[in-house]
Amino acid sequence: MRTLILLASLLGFSPSLNADQNAVEALHICRLEAFDFPSYFNAADRLEADLLQGLWVVKDRNAQGDVYQFHPYGMVDIISTEANGQLSIETLMWKVEQRLGKVALVLTDSRFKQQLITMEATCEGLNAFDMDSLHDLALVLKPSISGSDWKRMKSCIFGEWTSVSFPSDLAKSVGCKPDPRSGISSMQFQFREDGSYTRVCETPSARLEENGFYEITPDGQYVIFYASGPSVNPAETYHASVVRIQHLSVGELVFEQPVHAFGYEGIQHTAVRSVAYMQ
């Protein structure tokens, strides 16, 4: 599991403009929400508030950049897309604190390993420098869909969904072996308004049930599943998985997902599958 830990030093931003026209132009190109914080916020408060603004994506000219979603309860989801379109997700702990005299964003993996990256706020996003790999990173805020569109997606996904012909490789990857004679298995989701879900993979000879907490990302592109214990609390996640939403409307849902979609370690990455569900 790839680990990324950020040590961040959030530098102040004060554009030097000599003319009113330049000031007006700057307002149109600068993400003012990065600097419009209460006067009593210190550098650590500003960095934490900035990271919670929405989805952050790493700019990469050669590939689709990783997507970061920081949660106020101290976890961050990192969604990665491989060259062949396969998705993976890693969930880490995060906090902002002082390190070596600088404001630090600390990401910690399950082995409590940390790395350091300095960070600077800009009009476009966040510039970062990995102190371990000596690699520059640039993060930009990913556009979110409108609040009303996001609520419509949430209302559309509520309820029970069934795929009566679930791909056999996906079924095997989640531990639900298809029927040996027909190769067919079925998958059901139940999405509830309280944010919990139940997933059931079923064949004539096997049944696997998973319960947890789900979330639609602010850009409306992904559903993240947090398989958890009885409390259904995302901060007590055992493992996380992600699927891409290809289509969602009343009575119709299509997920794009890899064979390791539900986070079981040791599953080989083979292909991406599109699976249609009906209500």
Protein backbone atom coordinates (compact mmCIF):
# COMPACT_ATOMS: atom_id res chain seq x y z
CA MET A 1 0.00 0.00 0.00
CA ARG A 2 1.44 3.28 -1.06
CA THR A 3 1.93 5.74 1.73
CA LEU A 4 1.99 9.49 1.38
CA ILE A 5 2.60 11.76 4.33
CA LEU A 6 2.59 15.51 4.01
CA LEU A 7 4.53 17.98 6.17
CA ALA A 8 3.18 21.31 5.08
CA SER A 9 4.30 24.86 5.59
CA LEU A 10 1.48 27.14 4.49
CA LEU A 11 2.98 30.38 3.26
CA GLY A 12 0.98 33.60 3.19
CA PHE A 13 -0.09 34.99 -0.17
CA SER A 14 -0.01 38.73 -0.83
CA PRO A 15 -0.16 39.65 -4.54
CA SER A 16 1.61 42.88 -5.40
CA LEU A 17 -0.65 44.77 -7.79
CA ASN A 18 0.02 48.34 -8.84
CA ALA A 19 -3.19 49.05 -10.69
CA ASP A 20 -6.88 48.61 -10.06
CA GLN A 21 -7.24 46.76 -13.37
CA ASN A 22 -4.67 44.18 -12.29
CA ALA A 23 -6.53 43.76 -9.01
CA VAL A 24 -9.82 43.10 -10.80
CA GLU A 25 -8.17 40.54 -13.11
CA ALA A 26 -6.58 38.82 -10.14
CA LEU A 27 -9.96 38.41 -8.46
CA HIS A 28 -11.20 36.44 -11.45
CA ILE A 29 -8.25 34.00 -11.57
CA CYS A 30 -7.51 33.55 -7.86
CA ARG A 31 -9.38 31.09 -5.64
CA LEU A 32 -10.15 33.65 -2.94
CA GLU A 33 -11.55 31.00 -0.61
CA ALA A 34 -7.94 29.98 0.10
CA PHE A 35 -7.21 33.31 1.75
CA ASP A 36 -10.61 34.55 2.97
CA PHE A 37 -10.34 33.15 6.50
CA PRO A 38 -11.17 34.81 9.82
CA SER A 39 -8.41 37.08 11.08
CA TYR A 40 -7.92 34.94 14.20
CA PHE A 41 -6.99 31.85 12.10
CA ASN A 42 -3.33 30.92 12.37
CA ALA A 43 -1.40 29.18 9.60
CA ALA A 44 -2.43 25.72 10.82
CA ASP A 45 -6.11 26.70 10.92
CA ARG A 46 -5.89 28.08 7.36
CA LEU A 47 -4.28 24.93 6.00
CA GLU A 48 -6.82 22.67 7.68
CA ALA A 49 -9.76 24.77 6.45
CA ASP A 50 -8.31 24.87 2.93
CA LEU A 51 -7.94 21.09 2.74
CA LEU A 52 -11.55 20.64 3.83
CA GLN A 53 -12.85 22.83 0.97
CA GLY A 54 -13.47 19.82 -1.30
CA LEU A 55 -11.68 17.28 -3.49
CA TRP A 56 -8.01 17.85 -4.29
CA VAL A 57 -6.39 16.30 -7.36
CA VAL A 58 -2.69 15.98 -8.11
CA LYS A 59 -1.82 17.54 -11.46
CA ASP A 60 0.04 15.02 -13.62
CA ARG A 61 0.67 15.54 -17.33
CA ASN A 62 1.25 11.83 -17.96
CA ALA A 63 -1.63 10.29 -16.03
CA GLN A 64 -4.88 11.00 -14.25
CA GLY A 65 -3.85 12.42 -10.90
CA ASP A 66 -4.73 10.97 -7.52
CA VAL A 67 -7.81 12.46 -5.86
CA TYR A 68 -7.71 13.40 -2.17
CA GLN A 69 -10.78 13.81 0.03
CA PHE A 70 -10.06 15.08 3.55
CA HIS A 71 -12.69 14.38 6.20
CA PRO A 72 -13.22 16.42 9.39
CA TYR A 73 -13.06 13.26 11.52
CA GLY A 74 -9.34 12.82 10.74
CA MET A 75 -9.30 10.45 7.75
CA VAL A 76 -8.37 11.11 4.12
CA ASP A 77 -9.32 8.97 1.12
CA ILE A 78 -6.86 8.81 -1.80
CA ILE A 79 -8.44 7.57 -5.05
CA SER A 80 -5.97 6.44 -7.72
CA THR A 81 -6.68 5.64 -11.36
CA GLU A 82 -4.31 3.36 -13.27
CA ALA A 83 -3.49 3.80 -16.95
CA ASN A 84 -6.05 1.10 -17.85
CA GLY A 85 -8.80 2.86 -15.87
CA GLN A 86 -8.71 0.65 -12.77
CA LEU A 87 -9.54 2.33 -9.47
CA SER A 88 -7.97 1.83 -6.08
CA ILE A 89 -8.37 3.62 -2.77
CA GLU A 90 -6.22 4.14 0.29
CA THR A 91 -7.49 5.58 3.57
CA LEU A 92 -5.03 7.34 5.89
CA MET A 93 -5.17 9.41 9.05
CA TRP A 94 -4.46 13.14 8.85
CA LYS A 95 -3.96 16.09 11.15
CA VAL A 96 -2.39 19.54 11.07
CA GLU A 97 0.30 20.40 13.62
CA GLN A 98 3.63 22.15 14.14
CA ARG A 99 6.68 20.22 12.96
CA LEU A 100 10.23 21.58 13.02
CA GLY A 101 8.92 25.10 13.34
CA LYS A 102 6.56 24.76 10.38
CA VAL A 103 2.87 24.06 9.99
CA ALA A 104 2.52 20.39 9.17
CA LEU A 105 -0.18 18.31 7.53
CA VAL A 106 0.63 14.81 8.76
CA LEU A 107 -0.77 11.77 6.95
CA THR A 108 -0.23 8.45 8.70
CA ASP A 109 -0.70 4.95 7.31
CA SER A 110 -1.75 1.82 9.20
CA ARG A 111 1.88 1.13 10.10
CA PHE A 112 2.24 4.66 11.53
CA LYS A 113 4.78 5.57 8.86
CA GLN A 114 5.09 9.24 7.93
CA GLN A 115 6.82 11.33 5.26
CA LEU A 116 7.34 15.07 4.93
CA ILE A 117 6.27 17.50 2.21
CA THR A 118 6.38 21.28 2.37
CA MET A 119 3.37 23.05 0.94
CA GLU A 120 2.50 26.54 -0.27
CA ALA A 121 -0.96 27.96 -0.98
CA THR A 122 -1.40 29.59 -4.40
CA CYS A 123 -4.24 31.03 -6.45
CA GLU A 124 -4.47 27.75 -8.38
CA GLY A 125 -4.13 25.36 -5.48
CA LEU A 126 -1.30 24.01 -3.35
CA ASN A 127 2.34 23.61 -4.36
CA ALA A 128 4.16 20.87 -2.49
CA PHE A 129 7.67 19.42 -2.27
CA ASP A 130 8.24 15.88 -0.99
CA MET A 131 11.17 16.01 1.41
CA ASP A 132 11.81 12.27 1.08
CA SER A 133 11.51 11.70 -2.68
CA LEU A 134 12.52 15.29 -3.63
CA HIS A 135 9.49 15.31 -5.91
CA ASP A 136 7.39 18.40 -6.66
CA LEU A 137 3.61 18.12 -6.48
CA ALA A 138 0.86 20.50 -7.51
CA LEU A 139 -2.65 20.01 -6.15
CA VAL A 140 -5.73 21.77 -7.49
CA LEU A 141 -9.24 21.94 -6.12
CA LYS A 142 -11.51 19.71 -8.21
CA PRO A 143 -14.82 21.30 -9.23
CA SER A 144 -17.83 20.03 -7.29
CA ILE A 145 -21.33 19.61 -8.66
CA SER A 146 -23.98 21.94 -7.30
CA GLY A 147 -25.59 21.17 -3.98
CA SER A 148 -28.95 20.57 -5.62
CA ASP A 149 -27.46 18.11 -8.15
CA TRP A 150 -25.65 16.26 -5.38
CA LYS A 151 -28.88 15.97 -3.39
CA ARG A 152 -30.67 14.64 -6.49
CA MET A 153 -28.00 11.97 -6.88
CA LYS A 154 -28.41 11.01 -3.23
CA SER A 155 -32.18 10.76 -3.58
CA CYS A 156 -31.84 8.65 -6.76
CA ILE A 157 -29.50 6.13 -5.15
CA PHE A 158 -31.67 5.43 -2.10
CA GLY A 159 -33.30 2.00 -2.07
CA GLU A 160 -32.51 -1.53 -3.26
CA TRP A 161 -30.59 -2.29 -6.46
CA THR A 162 -29.98 -5.67 -8.10
CA SER A 163 -27.69 -6.95 -10.82
CA VAL A 164 -28.98 -10.40 -11.75
CA SER A 165 -25.97 -11.32 -13.91
CA PHE A 166 -22.94 -10.17 -11.98
CA PRO A 167 -19.57 -10.72 -13.79
CA SER A 168 -17.88 -13.87 -12.51
CA ASP A 169 -14.45 -12.27 -12.00
CA LEU A 170 -15.98 -9.52 -9.87
CA ALA A 171 -17.92 -12.10 -7.87
CA LYS A 172 -14.74 -14.07 -7.17
CA SER A 173 -12.86 -10.92 -6.17
CA VAL A 174 -15.33 -10.25 -3.35
CA GLY A 175 -15.29 -13.86 -2.18
CA CYS A 176 -18.61 -14.86 -3.74
CA LYS A 177 -17.97 -17.78 -6.10
CA PRO A 178 -20.41 -17.96 -9.03
CA ASP A 179 -22.52 -21.03 -9.67
CA PRO A 180 -20.15 -23.62 -11.26
CA ARG A 181 -22.74 -24.70 -13.79
CA SER A 182 -24.02 -21.35 -15.00
CA GLY A 183 -21.20 -19.02 -13.90
CA ILE A 184 -23.90 -16.61 -12.70
CA SER A 185 -24.17 -14.76 -9.43
CA SER A 186 -26.31 -11.83 -8.33
CA MET A 187 -25.39 -8.66 -6.45
CA GLN A 188 -27.74 -6.48 -4.42
CA PHE A 189 -27.15 -3.10 -2.84
CA GLN A 190 -29.35 -1.34 -0.34
CA PHE A 191 -28.52 2.35 0.14
CA ARG A 192 -30.21 4.00 3.12
CA GLU A 193 -30.85 7.67 3.87
CA ASP A 194 -28.75 7.51 7.04
CA GLY A 195 -25.64 6.82 4.92
CA SER A 196 -25.42 3.09 5.63
CA TYR A 197 -25.45 0.33 3.04
CA THR A 198 -25.73 -3.43 2.72
CA ARG A 199 -24.16 -5.36 -0.14
CA VAL A 200 -25.13 -8.98 -0.77
CA CYS A 201 -23.48 -11.26 -3.32
CA GLU A 202 -25.49 -14.45 -3.75
CA THR A 203 -25.34 -17.68 -5.75
CA PRO A 204 -27.26 -20.95 -5.35
CA SER A 205 -24.43 -22.21 -3.13
CA ALA A 206 -23.03 -19.08 -1.40
CA ARG A 207 -24.05 -15.79 0.17
CA LEU A 208 -21.76 -12.96 1.27
CA GLU A 209 -23.09 -9.89 3.10
CA GLU A 210 -21.20 -6.66 3.76
CA ASN A 211 -22.42 -3.69 5.82
CA GLY A 212 -20.98 -0.24 6.25
CA PHE A 213 -21.14 3.42 5.38
CA TYR A 214 -21.17 4.92 1.86
CA GLU A 215 -20.55 8.36 0.43
CA ILE A 216 -20.93 10.07 -2.95
CA THR A 217 -17.94 12.34 -3.57
CA PRO A 218 -18.58 16.09 -4.08
CA ASP A 219 -17.84 15.84 -7.82
CA GLY A 220 -20.54 13.18 -8.25
CA GLN A 221 -18.13 10.75 -9.91
CA TYR A 222 -17.47 8.14 -7.23
CA VAL A 223 -19.12 6.14 -4.48
CA ILE A 224 -16.81 5.24 -1.60
CA PHE A 225 -17.75 2.24 0.56
CA TYR A 226 -16.46 1.96 4.12
CA ALA A 227 -17.03 -1.60 5.32
CA SER A 228 -17.25 -1.27 9.07
CA GLY A 229 -18.31 -2.81 12.34
CA PRO A 230 -21.71 -2.67 14.02
CA SER A 231 -21.43 1.07 14.69
CA VAL A 232 -21.33 1.88 10.95
CA ASN A 233 -18.87 4.66 11.74
CA PRO A 234 -16.48 5.81 8.98
CA ALA A 235 -13.83 6.55 11.58
CA GLU A 236 -13.82 2.82 12.50
CA THR A 237 -13.35 1.53 8.97
CA TYR A 238 -11.93 -1.92 8.40
CA HIS A 239 -11.41 -1.32 4.69
CA ALA A 240 -12.54 1.08 1.99
CA SER A 241 -13.37 0.55 -1.68
CA VAL A 242 -14.47 2.76 -4.55
CA VAL A 243 -16.51 2.55 -7.75
CA ARG A 244 -17.03 5.10 -10.49
CA ILE A 245 -20.61 6.15 -11.32
CA GLN A 246 -21.17 5.74 -15.06
CA HIS A 247 -24.90 6.41 -14.96
CA LEU A 248 -27.50 7.18 -12.31
CA SER A 249 -31.15 7.99 -12.88
CA VAL A 250 -34.49 6.90 -11.47
CA GLY A 251 -34.45 3.08 -11.55
CA GLU A 252 -31.11 2.81 -13.39
CA LEU A 253 -27.57 2.62 -12.00
CA VAL A 254 -24.28 1.65 -13.67
CA PHE A 255 -21.05 1.24 -11.68
CA GLU A 256 -17.60 0.91 -13.20
CA GLN A 257 -15.42 -1.11 -10.88
CA PRO A 258 -12.25 -3.24 -10.85
CA VAL A 259 -12.21 -6.86 -9.77
CA HIS A 260 -10.73 -5.82 -6.41
CA ALA A 261 -13.52 -3.27 -5.92
CA PHE A 262 -14.24 -4.16 -2.30
CA GLY A 263 -10.78 -3.87 -0.88
CA TYR A 264 -9.63 -7.43 -0.21
CA GLU A 265 -5.83 -7.53 -0.19
CA GLY A 266 -4.08 -9.99 -2.48
CA ILE A 267 -6.60 -9.70 -5.32
CA GLN A 268 -4.86 -9.36 -8.68
CA HIS A 269 -5.82 -6.36 -10.83
CA THR A 270 -7.25 -7.82 -14.04
CA ALA A 271 -9.83 -5.57 -15.66
CA VAL A 272 -12.46 -2.92 -15.23
CA ARG A 273 -16.10 -3.97 -15.43
CA SER A 274 -19.28 -1.98 -15.97
CA VAL A 275 -22.20 -3.42 -14.03
CA ALA A 276 -25.82 -2.35 -14.46
CA TYR A 277 -28.28 -2.42 -11.55
CA MET A 278 -32.04 -2.04 -11.58
CA GLN A 279 -34.56 -1.20 -8.86
